[in-house]
């Protein structure tokens, strides 16, 4: 249970960092996102691929940043899932 809570806390922190970074560096480049809660909602929606179309990146830089965020997050989720299910430490392959 403790592992799950720490993974959940890490996921929330990653979403907060993404939302803050997007708000600071790409302000006005996410259509419909004006407040921090909007940016956090956009981060969660992007990660879960449940975006409703109400908020979307409008510039190439914002689109690349969002794509990078989603790819890194999914690699992390894949790594944690595989590591948890199989108890394989990927360092042994390196």
C-alpha atoms as a PDB file:
ATOM      1  CA  UNK A   1       0.000   0.000   0.000  1.00  0.00           C
ATOM      2  CA  UNK A   2       2.849   2.339   0.797  1.00  0.00           C
ATOM      3  CA  UNK A   3       4.293   1.876  -2.685  1.00  0.00           C
ATOM      4  CA  UNK A   4       0.954   2.758  -4.264  1.00  0.00           C
ATOM      5  CA  UNK A   5       0.659   5.926  -2.196  1.00  0.00           C
ATOM      6  CA  UNK A   6       4.204   7.003  -3.088  1.00  0.00           C
ATOM      7  CA  UNK A   7       3.569   6.319  -6.795  1.00  0.00           C
ATOM      8  CA  UNK A   8       0.315   8.267  -6.646  1.00  0.00           C
ATOM      9  CA  UNK A   9       2.062  11.158  -4.903  1.00  0.00           C
ATOM     10  CA  UNK A  10       4.794  11.122  -7.555  1.00  0.00           C
ATOM     11  CA  UNK A  11       2.186  11.172 -10.344  1.00  0.00           C
ATOM     12  CA  UNK A  12       0.445  14.143  -8.746  1.00  0.00           C
ATOM     13  CA  UNK A  13       3.767  15.968  -8.400  1.00  0.00           C
ATOM     14  CA  UNK A  14       4.606  15.296 -12.060  1.00  0.00           C
ATOM     15  CA  UNK A  15       1.217  16.697 -13.105  1.00  0.00           C
ATOM     16  CA  UNK A  16       1.716  19.758 -10.908  1.00  0.00           C
ATOM     17  CA  UNK A  17       5.179  20.376 -12.395  1.00  0.00           C
ATOM     18  CA  UNK A  18       3.824  20.002 -15.932  1.00  0.00           C
ATOM     19  CA  UNK A  19       0.906  22.318 -15.208  1.00  0.00           C
ATOM     20  CA  UNK A  20       3.196  24.929 -13.639  1.00  0.00           C
ATOM     21  CA  UNK A  21       5.734  24.708 -16.459  1.00  0.00           C
ATOM     22  CA  UNK A  22       3.017  24.982 -19.074  1.00  0.00           C
ATOM     23  CA  UNK A  23       1.474  27.940 -17.287  1.00  0.00           C
ATOM     24  CA  UNK A  24       4.806  29.768 -16.980  1.00  0.00           C
ATOM     25  CA  UNK A  25       6.378  29.079 -20.375  1.00  0.00           C
ATOM     26  CA  UNK A  26       3.359  28.542 -22.611  1.00  0.00           C
ATOM     27  CA  UNK A  27       0.926  31.061 -21.175  1.00  0.00           C
ATOM     28  CA  UNK A  28      -1.747  31.806 -23.752  1.00  0.00           C
ATOM     29  CA  UNK A  29      -0.673  28.922 -25.997  1.00  0.00           C
ATOM     30  CA  UNK A  30      -3.166  26.443 -24.532  1.00  0.00           C
ATOM     31  CA  UNK A  31      -6.621  27.331 -25.822  1.00  0.00           C
ATOM     32  CA  UNK A  32      -9.081  27.558 -22.942  1.00  0.00           C
ATOM     33  CA  UNK A  33      -6.520  27.335 -20.118  1.00  0.00           C
ATOM     34  CA  UNK A  34      -6.280  30.510 -18.070  1.00  0.00           C
ATOM     35  CA  UNK A  35      -5.806  29.476 -14.437  1.00  0.00           C
ATOM     36  CA  UNK A  36      -3.590  26.954 -12.678  1.00  0.00           C
ATOM     37  CA  UNK A  37      -6.539  24.603 -12.214  1.00  0.00           C
ATOM     38  CA  UNK A  38      -7.201  24.779 -15.972  1.00  0.00           C
ATOM     39  CA  UNK A  39      -3.576  23.851 -16.675  1.00  0.00           C
ATOM     40  CA  UNK A  40      -3.703  21.004 -14.143  1.00  0.00           C
ATOM     41  CA  UNK A  41      -6.937  19.736 -15.724  1.00  0.00           C
ATOM     42  CA  UNK A  42      -5.220  19.923 -19.128  1.00  0.00           C
ATOM     43  CA  UNK A  43      -2.239  17.935 -17.777  1.00  0.00           C
ATOM     44  CA  UNK A  44      -4.433  15.170 -16.372  1.00  0.00           C
ATOM     45  CA  UNK A  45      -6.589  15.084 -19.497  1.00  0.00           C
ATOM     46  CA  UNK A  46      -3.518  14.815 -21.716  1.00  0.00           C
ATOM     47  CA  UNK A  47      -1.979  12.035 -19.663  1.00  0.00           C
ATOM     48  CA  UNK A  48      -5.138   9.965 -19.484  1.00  0.00           C
ATOM     49  CA  UNK A  49      -5.914  10.648 -23.162  1.00  0.00           C
ATOM     50  CA  UNK A  50      -9.400  11.718 -22.169  1.00  0.00           C
ATOM     51  CA  UNK A  51      -9.055  15.263 -23.497  1.00  0.00           C
ATOM     52  CA  UNK A  52     -12.461  16.730 -24.203  1.00  0.00           C
ATOM     53  CA  UNK A  53     -11.291  19.191 -26.849  1.00  0.00           C
ATOM     54  CA  UNK A  54     -12.047  22.204 -24.692  1.00  0.00           C
ATOM     55  CA  UNK A  55      -8.339  22.850 -24.091  1.00  0.00           C
ATOM     56  CA  UNK A  56      -5.598  22.233 -26.619  1.00  0.00           C
ATOM     57  CA  UNK A  57      -2.129  23.515 -27.471  1.00  0.00           C
ATOM     58  CA  UNK A  58      -2.197  26.046 -30.305  1.00  0.00           C
ATOM     59  CA  UNK A  59       1.496  26.522 -31.123  1.00  0.00           C
ATOM     60  CA  UNK A  60       4.110  24.058 -32.309  1.00  0.00           C
ATOM     61  CA  UNK A  61       6.177  24.524 -29.131  1.00  0.00           C
ATOM     62  CA  UNK A  62       3.195  23.844 -26.856  1.00  0.00           C
ATOM     63  CA  UNK A  63       2.265  20.776 -28.919  1.00  0.00           C
ATOM     64  CA  UNK A  64       5.811  19.416 -28.678  1.00  0.00           C
ATOM     65  CA  UNK A  65       5.931  20.075 -24.910  1.00  0.00           C
ATOM     66  CA  UNK A  66       2.614  18.283 -24.394  1.00  0.00           C
ATOM     67  CA  UNK A  67       3.732  15.347 -26.555  1.00  0.00           C
ATOM     68  CA  UNK A  68       6.993  15.062 -24.635  1.00  0.00           C
ATOM     69  CA  UNK A  69       5.128  15.142 -21.327  1.00  0.00           C
ATOM     70  CA  UNK A  70       2.734  12.376 -22.388  1.00  0.00           C
ATOM     71  CA  UNK A  71       5.526  10.169 -23.767  1.00  0.00           C
ATOM     72  CA  UNK A  72       7.695  10.518 -20.650  1.00  0.00           C
ATOM     73  CA  UNK A  73       4.729   9.890 -18.373  1.00  0.00           C
ATOM     74  CA  UNK A  74       3.685   6.764 -20.277  1.00  0.00           C
ATOM     75  CA  UNK A  75       7.262   5.399 -20.194  1.00  0.00           C
ATOM     76  CA  UNK A  76       7.234   5.941 -16.422  1.00  0.00           C
ATOM     77  CA  UNK A  77       3.849   4.216 -16.086  1.00  0.00           C
ATOM     78  CA  UNK A  78       5.046   1.312 -18.250  1.00  0.00           C
ATOM     79  CA  UNK A  79       8.244   0.938 -16.236  1.00  0.00           C
ATOM     80  CA  UNK A  80       6.442   0.997 -12.883  1.00  0.00           C
ATOM     81  CA  UNK A  81       3.772  -1.449 -14.065  1.00  0.00           C
ATOM     82  CA  UNK A  82       6.201  -3.962 -15.548  1.00  0.00           C
ATOM     83  CA  UNK A  83       8.547  -3.635 -12.590  1.00  0.00           C
ATOM     84  CA  UNK A  84       5.700  -4.140 -10.137  1.00  0.00           C
ATOM     85  CA  UNK A  85       4.104  -7.078 -11.957  1.00  0.00           C
ATOM     86  CA  UNK A  86       7.258  -9.018 -12.736  1.00  0.00           C
ATOM     87  CA  UNK A  87       9.585  -7.743  -9.993  1.00  0.00           C
ATOM     88  CA  UNK A  88      12.264  -7.326 -12.668  1.00  0.00           C
ATOM     89  CA  UNK A  89      14.916  -4.739 -12.065  1.00  0.00           C
ATOM     90  CA  UNK A  90      15.790  -3.286 -15.475  1.00  0.00           C
ATOM     91  CA  UNK A  91      19.313  -2.423 -14.262  1.00  0.00           C
ATOM     92  CA  UNK A  92      20.310  -6.053 -14.770  1.00  0.00           C
ATOM     93  CA  UNK A  93      19.957  -5.576 -18.539  1.00  0.00           C
ATOM     94  CA  UNK A  94      22.233  -2.521 -18.667  1.00  0.00           C
END
